[in-house]
Amino acid sequence: MNKFVWGTAISVLIAVLTSNQAQAVTLTEIGDAGESLSTAQIIPSGLLPLESISGKISQATPDADIFQIFLTEGKLFSATTAINPGTLADPQLYLFDSSGKGIFANDNESSNSTQATLPIGGFSPNQSGIYYLAISGFDYYPVSAGGDIFPRFPEVSFDGVGVYSPTGAGGGSPLSEFDGLRLNGGSYTITLTGVQTSIAAVPESSFGLGILTSGFLSTAALLRKKKKQESVS
């Protein structure tokens, strides 16, 4: 009987940790995520959906934040910002492949909004792997050794509506740095689809696990209780 209960508890724990229906994970930037591939904040891959990333763009110094993310083949990816929560009035979003070459970018999601969206259906990876998601304030752009990776104002209209391909002079080369003006800063939250992470990142990166954490702790408590009962008997 004791062996059955112990085995059942372990099975429940495994089910909690591996279920794709578990509450999505959220991430808060630690310190300052870098603005190059080598200094990007790494988000480990795993089975848990990553719901959002929150952070802050400084206006006092040049700043862009880059996150290394894991995308799964065939899953639809999207990323979008919102002013609430967040105070970054005019963000820009960029997606790069594992080598740092640009995939697509957006400044304003519509003519009525200065928030940014990389829309669902705009990109679906043909193979699972590492990608880089970057965010900056308006007029601070990614460049390569060849120049601008994506078109920038005034090459595009002031409202910046639309998704841009890497058609700049440096679009065929990997990201080397960001360049431009520091026109706005503030906090941001990027809501995501199609991004996955692992529980291994939780203690280090202060993820919120919601019910998943509660389930883990409850199961762990059950295991300790059963083990104690066995030792007494």
C-alpha atoms as a PDB file:
ATOM      1  CA  MET A   1       0.000   0.000   0.000  1.00  0.00           C
ATOM      2  CA  ASN A   2       2.778   2.414   0.958  1.00  0.00           C
ATOM      3  CA  LYS A   3       4.631   1.648  -2.272  1.00  0.00           C
ATOM      4  CA  PHE A   4       1.448   2.306  -4.253  1.00  0.00           C
ATOM      5  CA  VAL A   5       0.878   5.709  -2.625  1.00  0.00           C
ATOM      6  CA  TRP A   6       4.542   6.669  -3.080  1.00  0.00           C
ATOM      7  CA  GLY A   7       4.451   5.689  -6.752  1.00  0.00           C
ATOM      8  CA  THR A   8       1.173   7.515  -7.290  1.00  0.00           C
ATOM      9  CA  ALA A   9       2.575  10.698  -5.755  1.00  0.00           C
ATOM     10  CA  ILE A  10       5.609  10.571  -8.030  1.00  0.00           C
ATOM     11  CA  SER A  11       3.328  10.075 -11.037  1.00  0.00           C
ATOM     12  CA  VAL A  12       1.286  13.121 -10.025  1.00  0.00           C
ATOM     13  CA  LEU A  13       4.458  15.188  -9.689  1.00  0.00           C
ATOM     14  CA  ILE A  14       5.655  14.167 -13.148  1.00  0.00           C
ATOM     15  CA  ALA A  15       2.244  14.959 -14.615  1.00  0.00           C
ATOM     16  CA  VAL A  16       2.276  18.425 -13.050  1.00  0.00           C
ATOM     17  CA  LEU A  17       5.742  19.231 -14.354  1.00  0.00           C
ATOM     18  CA  THR A  18       5.234  17.941 -17.886  1.00  0.00           C
ATOM     19  CA  SER A  19       1.640  18.950 -18.584  1.00  0.00           C
ATOM     20  CA  ASN A  20       1.299  21.418 -21.442  1.00  0.00           C
ATOM     21  CA  GLN A  21      -1.857  22.644 -19.712  1.00  0.00           C
ATOM     22  CA  ALA A  22       0.149  24.008 -16.765  1.00  0.00           C
ATOM     23  CA  GLN A  23      -0.097  27.731 -16.125  1.00  0.00           C
ATOM     24  CA  ALA A  24       2.172  29.706 -18.440  1.00  0.00           C
ATOM     25  CA  VAL A  25       5.465  31.064 -17.186  1.00  0.00           C
ATOM     26  CA  THR A  26       6.260  34.778 -17.021  1.00  0.00           C
ATOM     27  CA  LEU A  27       9.776  36.234 -16.945  1.00  0.00           C
ATOM     28  CA  THR A  28      11.106  39.485 -15.528  1.00  0.00           C
ATOM     29  CA  GLU A  29      14.372  40.860 -16.892  1.00  0.00           C
ATOM     30  CA  ILE A  30      17.266  40.411 -14.432  1.00  0.00           C
ATOM     31  CA  GLY A  31      19.550  43.430 -14.264  1.00  0.00           C
ATOM     32  CA  ASP A  32      19.876  44.720 -17.804  1.00  0.00           C
ATOM     33  CA  ALA A  33      19.598  42.363 -20.756  1.00  0.00           C
ATOM     34  CA  GLY A  34      22.331  43.147 -23.277  1.00  0.00           C
ATOM     35  CA  GLU A  35      21.929  44.488 -26.801  1.00  0.00           C
ATOM     36  CA  SER A  36      24.227  42.002 -28.545  1.00  0.00           C
ATOM     37  CA  LEU A  37      23.981  38.248 -29.118  1.00  0.00           C
ATOM     38  CA  SER A  38      26.787  37.585 -26.635  1.00  0.00           C
ATOM     39  CA  THR A  39      25.098  39.592 -23.865  1.00  0.00           C
ATOM     40  CA  ALA A  40      21.492  38.551 -24.543  1.00  0.00           C
ATOM     41  CA  GLN A  41      19.542  37.225 -21.558  1.00  0.00           C
ATOM     42  CA  ILE A  42      19.171  33.483 -22.106  1.00  0.00           C
ATOM     43  CA  ILE A  43      15.779  31.855 -21.557  1.00  0.00           C
ATOM     44  CA  PRO A  44      16.273  28.051 -21.392  1.00  0.00           C
ATOM     45  CA  SER A  45      14.149  25.843 -23.629  1.00  0.00           C
ATOM     46  CA  GLY A  46      11.603  23.414 -22.197  1.00  0.00           C
ATOM     47  CA  LEU A  47       8.000  22.222 -22.275  1.00  0.00           C
ATOM     48  CA  LEU A  48       6.351  25.157 -20.509  1.00  0.00           C
ATOM     49  CA  PRO A  49       4.755  27.984 -22.513  1.00  0.00           C
ATOM     50  CA  LEU A  50       6.380  31.372 -21.895  1.00  0.00           C
ATOM     51  CA  GLU A  51       3.532  33.854 -21.638  1.00  0.00           C
ATOM     52  CA  SER A  52       5.388  37.140 -21.284  1.00  0.00           C
ATOM     53  CA  ILE A  53       8.662  38.959 -20.682  1.00  0.00           C
ATOM     54  CA  SER A  54       8.807  42.174 -18.644  1.00  0.00           C
ATOM     55  CA  GLY A  55      11.679  44.621 -18.384  1.00  0.00           C
ATOM     56  CA  LYS A  56      12.799  48.223 -18.681  1.00  0.00           C
ATOM     57  CA  ILE A  57      14.433  50.341 -21.387  1.00  0.00           C
ATOM     58  CA  SER A  58      16.674  53.140 -20.103  1.00  0.00           C
ATOM     59  CA  GLN A  59      16.476  56.586 -21.668  1.00  0.00           C
ATOM     60  CA  ALA A  60      19.539  57.860 -19.812  1.00  0.00           C
ATOM     61  CA  THR A  61      21.893  55.604 -21.784  1.00  0.00           C
ATOM     62  CA  PRO A  62      21.563  53.826 -25.154  1.00  0.00           C
ATOM     63  CA  ASP A  63      19.539  50.697 -24.450  1.00  0.00           C
ATOM     64  CA  ALA A  64      17.938  47.757 -26.182  1.00  0.00           C
ATOM     65  CA  ASP A  65      17.115  44.407 -24.584  1.00  0.00           C
ATOM     66  CA  ILE A  66      17.735  41.097 -26.335  1.00  0.00           C
ATOM     67  CA  PHE A  67      16.417  37.736 -25.134  1.00  0.00           C
ATOM     68  CA  GLN A  68      17.529  34.354 -26.434  1.00  0.00           C
ATOM     69  CA  ILE A  69      14.366  32.283 -26.863  1.00  0.00           C
ATOM     70  CA  PHE A  70      13.494  28.801 -28.108  1.00  0.00           C
ATOM     71  CA  LEU A  71      10.908  28.364 -30.859  1.00  0.00           C
ATOM     72  CA  THR A  72       9.431  25.016 -31.895  1.00  0.00           C
ATOM     73  CA  GLU A  73       8.995  23.927 -35.491  1.00  0.00           C
ATOM     74  CA  GLY A  74       5.456  24.514 -36.730  1.00  0.00           C
ATOM     75  CA  LYS A  75       4.316  26.580 -33.723  1.00  0.00           C
ATOM     76  CA  LEU A  76       2.999  30.033 -34.562  1.00  0.00           C
ATOM     77  CA  PHE A  77       5.081  32.785 -32.972  1.00  0.00           C
ATOM     78  CA  SER A  78       3.872  36.232 -31.982  1.00  0.00           C
ATOM     79  CA  ALA A  79       5.032  39.047 -29.717  1.00  0.00           C
ATOM     80  CA  THR A  80       3.173  42.209 -28.754  1.00  0.00           C
ATOM     81  CA  THR A  81       3.630  45.057 -26.282  1.00  0.00           C
ATOM     82  CA  ALA A  82       1.027  47.049 -24.369  1.00  0.00           C
ATOM     83  CA  ILE A  83       1.110  50.363 -22.539  1.00  0.00           C
ATOM     84  CA  ASN A  84      -0.634  48.770 -19.556  1.00  0.00           C
ATOM     85  CA  PRO A  85       1.283  47.193 -17.961  1.00  0.00           C
ATOM     86  CA  GLY A  86       4.249  49.231 -19.092  1.00  0.00           C
ATOM     87  CA  THR A  87       5.326  52.846 -19.604  1.00  0.00           C
ATOM     88  CA  LEU A  88       7.456  52.504 -22.760  1.00  0.00           C
ATOM     89  CA  ALA A  89       5.369  54.692 -25.064  1.00  0.00           C
ATOM     90  CA  ASP A  90       6.855  53.746 -28.444  1.00  0.00           C
ATOM     91  CA  PRO A  91       8.638  50.371 -28.449  1.00  0.00           C
ATOM     92  CA  GLN A  92      10.077  48.527 -31.448  1.00  0.00           C
ATOM     93  CA  LEU A  93      10.279  44.717 -31.708  1.00  0.00           C
ATOM     94  CA  TYR A  94      12.736  42.614 -33.724  1.00  0.00           C
ATOM     95  CA  LEU A  95      13.234  38.888 -34.296  1.00  0.00           C
ATOM     96  CA  PHE A  96      16.589  37.413 -35.358  1.00  0.00           C
ATOM     97  CA  ASP A  97      17.688  33.874 -36.192  1.00  0.00           C
ATOM     98  CA  SER A  98      20.363  31.955 -34.265  1.00  0.00           C
ATOM     99  CA  SER A  99      23.172  33.684 -36.164  1.00  0.00           C
ATOM    100  CA  GLY A 100      21.745  37.161 -35.578  1.00  0.00           C
ATOM    101  CA  LYS A 101      20.308  37.741 -39.040  1.00  0.00           C
ATOM    102  CA  GLY A 102      17.051  39.685 -39.097  1.00  0.00           C
ATOM    103  CA  ILE A 103      13.735  37.928 -39.730  1.00  0.00           C
ATOM    104  CA  PHE A 104      11.102  40.623 -39.218  1.00  0.00           C
ATOM    105  CA  ALA A 105      10.387  43.770 -37.218  1.00  0.00           C
ATOM    106  CA  ASN A 106       7.609  46.187 -36.258  1.00  0.00           C
ATOM    107  CA  ASP A 107       7.392  49.701 -34.845  1.00  0.00           C
ATOM    108  CA  ASN A 108       3.663  50.511 -34.631  1.00  0.00           C
ATOM    109  CA  GLU A 109       0.966  47.848 -34.703  1.00  0.00           C
ATOM    110  CA  SER A 110      -1.571  50.266 -36.220  1.00  0.00           C
ATOM    111  CA  SER A 111      -2.054  53.899 -37.182  1.00  0.00           C
ATOM    112  CA  ASN A 112      -3.850  54.373 -33.856  1.00  0.00           C
ATOM    113  CA  SER A 113      -1.204  52.749 -31.650  1.00  0.00           C
ATOM    114  CA  THR A 114       2.509  53.221 -31.051  1.00  0.00           C
ATOM    115  CA  GLN A 115       2.789  49.778 -29.457  1.00  0.00           C
ATOM    116  CA  ALA A 116       4.608  47.070 -31.425  1.00  0.00           C
ATOM    117  CA  THR A 117       3.447  43.672 -32.673  1.00  0.00           C
ATOM    118  CA  LEU A 118       5.149  40.814 -34.473  1.00  0.00           C
ATOM    119  CA  PRO A 119       1.842  39.249 -35.534  1.00  0.00           C
ATOM    120  CA  ILE A 120       0.820  35.627 -35.278  1.00  0.00           C
ATOM    121  CA  GLY A 121       1.186  34.056 -38.687  1.00  0.00           C
ATOM    122  CA  GLY A 122       3.991  36.438 -39.572  1.00  0.00           C
ATOM    123  CA  PHE A 123       6.579  33.783 -38.799  1.00  0.00           C
ATOM    124  CA  SER A 124       6.505  30.056 -38.052  1.00  0.00           C
ATOM    125  CA  PRO A 125       9.908  28.362 -37.697  1.00  0.00           C
ATOM    126  CA  ASN A 126      10.643  25.549 -40.143  1.00  0.00           C
ATOM    127  CA  GLN A 127      12.968  24.027 -37.572  1.00  0.00           C
ATOM    128  CA  SER A 128      13.119  24.149 -33.784  1.00  0.00           C
ATOM    129  CA  GLY A 129      15.948  26.136 -32.278  1.00  0.00           C
ATOM    130  CA  ILE A 130      17.345  29.346 -30.844  1.00  0.00           C
ATOM    131  CA  TYR A 131      16.135  32.769 -31.910  1.00  0.00           C
ATOM    132  CA  TYR A 132      16.653  36.267 -30.535  1.00  0.00           C
ATOM    133  CA  LEU A 133      13.861  38.666 -29.605  1.00  0.00           C
ATOM    134  CA  ALA A 134      14.852  42.325 -29.183  1.00  0.00           C
ATOM    135  CA  ILE A 135      13.024  45.419 -27.966  1.00  0.00           C
ATOM    136  CA  SER A 136      14.094  49.061 -28.120  1.00  0.00           C
ATOM    137  CA  GLY A 137      12.567  52.516 -27.991  1.00  0.00           C
ATOM    138  CA  PHE A 138      11.726  54.452 -31.152  1.00  0.00           C
ATOM    139  CA  ASP A 139      14.665  55.490 -33.374  1.00  0.00           C
ATOM    140  CA  TYR A 140      17.159  53.031 -31.851  1.00  0.00           C
ATOM    141  CA  TYR A 141      17.811  50.414 -34.528  1.00  0.00           C
ATOM    142  CA  PRO A 142      19.772  47.165 -35.039  1.00  0.00           C
ATOM    143  CA  VAL A 143      22.709  47.395 -37.429  1.00  0.00           C
ATOM    144  CA  SER A 144      25.242  44.973 -38.874  1.00  0.00           C
ATOM    145  CA  ALA A 145      28.675  45.515 -40.380  1.00  0.00           C
ATOM    146  CA  GLY A 146      26.881  46.423 -43.610  1.00  0.00           C
ATOM    147  CA  GLY A 147      24.520  49.014 -42.136  1.00  0.00           C
ATOM    148  CA  ASP A 148      20.872  49.045 -41.084  1.00  0.00           C
ATOM    149  CA  ILE A 149      19.316  45.575 -40.936  1.00  0.00           C
ATOM    150  CA  PHE A 150      15.743  46.878 -41.207  1.00  0.00           C
ATOM    151  CA  PRO A 151      14.457  50.087 -42.820  1.00  0.00           C
ATOM    152  CA  ARG A 152      14.179  53.031 -40.457  1.00  0.00           C
ATOM    153  CA  PHE A 153      12.463  56.411 -40.407  1.00  0.00           C
ATOM    154  CA  PRO A 154      12.370  58.326 -42.772  1.00  0.00           C
ATOM    155  CA  GLU A 155      12.764  55.347 -45.143  1.00  0.00           C
ATOM    156  CA  VAL A 156       9.397  54.205 -43.793  1.00  0.00           C
ATOM    157  CA  SER A 157       6.430  56.396 -42.932  1.00  0.00           C
ATOM    158  CA  PHE A 158       6.434  58.207 -39.603  1.00  0.00           C
ATOM    159  CA  ASP A 159       3.608  56.044 -38.236  1.00  0.00           C
ATOM    160  CA  GLY A 160       5.784  52.957 -38.810  1.00  0.00           C
ATOM    161  CA  VAL A 161       2.789  50.687 -39.389  1.00  0.00           C
ATOM    162  CA  GLY A 162       3.502  47.256 -40.828  1.00  0.00           C
ATOM    163  CA  VAL A 163       5.914  44.369 -40.485  1.00  0.00           C
ATOM    164  CA  TYR A 164       9.328  44.943 -42.010  1.00  0.00           C
ATOM    165  CA  SER A 165      11.669  42.425 -43.587  1.00  0.00           C
ATOM    166  CA  PRO A 166      15.467  42.806 -43.304  1.00  0.00           C
ATOM    167  CA  THR A 167      15.742  44.929 -46.446  1.00  0.00           C
ATOM    168  CA  GLY A 168      18.253  47.450 -45.112  1.00  0.00           C
ATOM    169  CA  ALA A 169      21.778  47.759 -46.521  1.00  0.00           C
ATOM    170  CA  GLY A 170      23.018  45.429 -43.766  1.00  0.00           C
ATOM    171  CA  GLY A 171      20.085  43.027 -43.891  1.00  0.00           C
ATOM    172  CA  GLY A 172      22.172  40.106 -45.133  1.00  0.00           C
ATOM    173  CA  SER A 173      24.605  40.212 -42.210  1.00  0.00           C
ATOM    174  CA  PRO A 174      24.192  39.393 -38.499  1.00  0.00           C
ATOM    175  CA  LEU A 175      23.484  41.940 -35.795  1.00  0.00           C
ATOM    176  CA  SER A 176      26.537  43.757 -34.471  1.00  0.00           C
ATOM    177  CA  GLU A 177      24.998  46.561 -32.397  1.00  0.00           C
ATOM    178  CA  PHE A 178      22.151  49.063 -32.042  1.00  0.00           C
ATOM    179  CA  ASP A 179      22.446  52.643 -33.237  1.00  0.00           C
ATOM    180  CA  GLY A 180      20.315  55.770 -33.151  1.00  0.00           C
ATOM    181  CA  LEU A 181      18.703  58.218 -30.746  1.00  0.00           C
ATOM    182  CA  ARG A 182      17.353  57.763 -27.218  1.00  0.00           C
ATOM    183  CA  LEU A 183      13.889  59.199 -27.672  1.00  0.00           C
ATOM    184  CA  ASN A 184      11.963  57.252 -25.047  1.00  0.00           C
ATOM    185  CA  GLY A 185      12.394  54.787 -22.226  1.00  0.00           C
ATOM    186  CA  GLY A 186      10.253  52.996 -19.682  1.00  0.00           C
ATOM    187  CA  SER A 187       8.955  49.619 -18.581  1.00  0.00           C
ATOM    188  CA  TYR A 188       7.450  47.070 -20.945  1.00  0.00           C
ATOM    189  CA  THR A 189       5.686  43.729 -21.081  1.00  0.00           C
ATOM    190  CA  ILE A 190       5.935  41.570 -24.205  1.00  0.00           C
ATOM    191  CA  THR A 191       3.102  39.047 -24.517  1.00  0.00           C
ATOM    192  CA  LEU A 192       4.168  35.928 -26.420  1.00  0.00           C
ATOM    193  CA  THR A 193       2.845  32.871 -28.205  1.00  0.00           C
ATOM    194  CA  GLY A 194       4.866  29.951 -29.515  1.00  0.00           C
ATOM    195  CA  VAL A 195       7.773  30.355 -27.055  1.00  0.00           C
ATOM    196  CA  GLN A 196       8.696  27.606 -24.602  1.00  0.00           C
ATOM    197  CA  THR A 197      10.912  27.437 -21.527  1.00  0.00           C
ATOM    198  CA  SER A 198      11.747  25.114 -18.622  1.00  0.00           C
ATOM    199  CA  ILE A 199      11.268  24.969 -14.865  1.00  0.00           C
ATOM    200  CA  ALA A 200      15.077  24.949 -14.543  1.00  0.00           C
ATOM    201  CA  ALA A 201      15.015  28.714 -15.095  1.00  0.00           C
ATOM    202  CA  VAL A 202      12.597  29.415 -12.246  1.00  0.00           C
ATOM    203  CA  PRO A 203      14.891  29.889  -9.198  1.00  0.00           C
ATOM    204  CA  GLU A 204      17.438  31.921 -11.174  1.00  0.00           C
ATOM    205  CA  SER A 205      15.048  34.112 -13.101  1.00  0.00           C
ATOM    206  CA  SER A 206      12.162  34.680 -10.663  1.00  0.00           C
ATOM    207  CA  PHE A 207       9.472  33.185 -12.858  1.00  0.00           C
ATOM    208  CA  GLY A 208       5.851  33.173 -11.680  1.00  0.00           C
ATOM    209  CA  LEU A 209       4.525  29.638 -11.833  1.00  0.00           C
ATOM    210  CA  GLY A 210       1.000  30.098 -10.510  1.00  0.00           C
ATOM    211  CA  ILE A 211      -0.802  26.798  -9.997  1.00  0.00           C
ATOM    212  CA  LEU A 212       2.187  24.870 -11.302  1.00  0.00           C
ATOM    213  CA  THR A 213       4.246  25.954  -8.297  1.00  0.00           C
ATOM    214  CA  SER A 214       1.382  25.200  -5.931  1.00  0.00           C
ATOM    215  CA  GLY A 215       1.004  21.748  -7.413  1.00  0.00           C
ATOM    216  CA  PHE A 216       4.708  21.079  -7.104  1.00  0.00           C
ATOM    217  CA  LEU A 217       4.836  22.175  -3.457  1.00  0.00           C
ATOM    218  CA  SER A 218       1.696  20.233  -2.533  1.00  0.00           C
ATOM    219  CA  THR A 219       3.027  17.066  -4.126  1.00  0.00           C
ATOM    220  CA  ALA A 220       6.413  17.521  -2.475  1.00  0.00           C
ATOM    221  CA  ALA A 221       4.689  17.905   0.908  1.00  0.00           C
ATOM    222  CA  LEU A 222       2.713  14.714   0.267  1.00  0.00           C
ATOM    223  CA  LEU A 223       5.902  12.825  -0.524  1.00  0.00           C
ATOM    224  CA  ARG A 224       7.568  14.006   2.693  1.00  0.00           C
ATOM    225  CA  LYS A 225       4.508  13.053   4.745  1.00  0.00           C
ATOM    226  CA  LYS A 226       4.307   9.543   3.263  1.00  0.00           C
ATOM    227  CA  LYS A 227       8.029   9.016   3.706  1.00  0.00           C
ATOM    228  CA  LYS A 228       7.775  10.049   7.372  1.00  0.00           C
ATOM    229  CA  GLN A 229       4.862   7.642   7.927  1.00  0.00           C
ATOM    230  CA  GLU A 230       6.863   4.811   6.400  1.00  0.00           C
ATOM    231  CA  SER A 231       9.846   5.474   8.672  1.00  0.00           C
ATOM    232  CA  VAL A 232       7.603   5.508  11.772  1.00  0.00           C
ATOM    233  CA  SER A 233       5.890   2.243  10.799  1.00  0.00           C
END
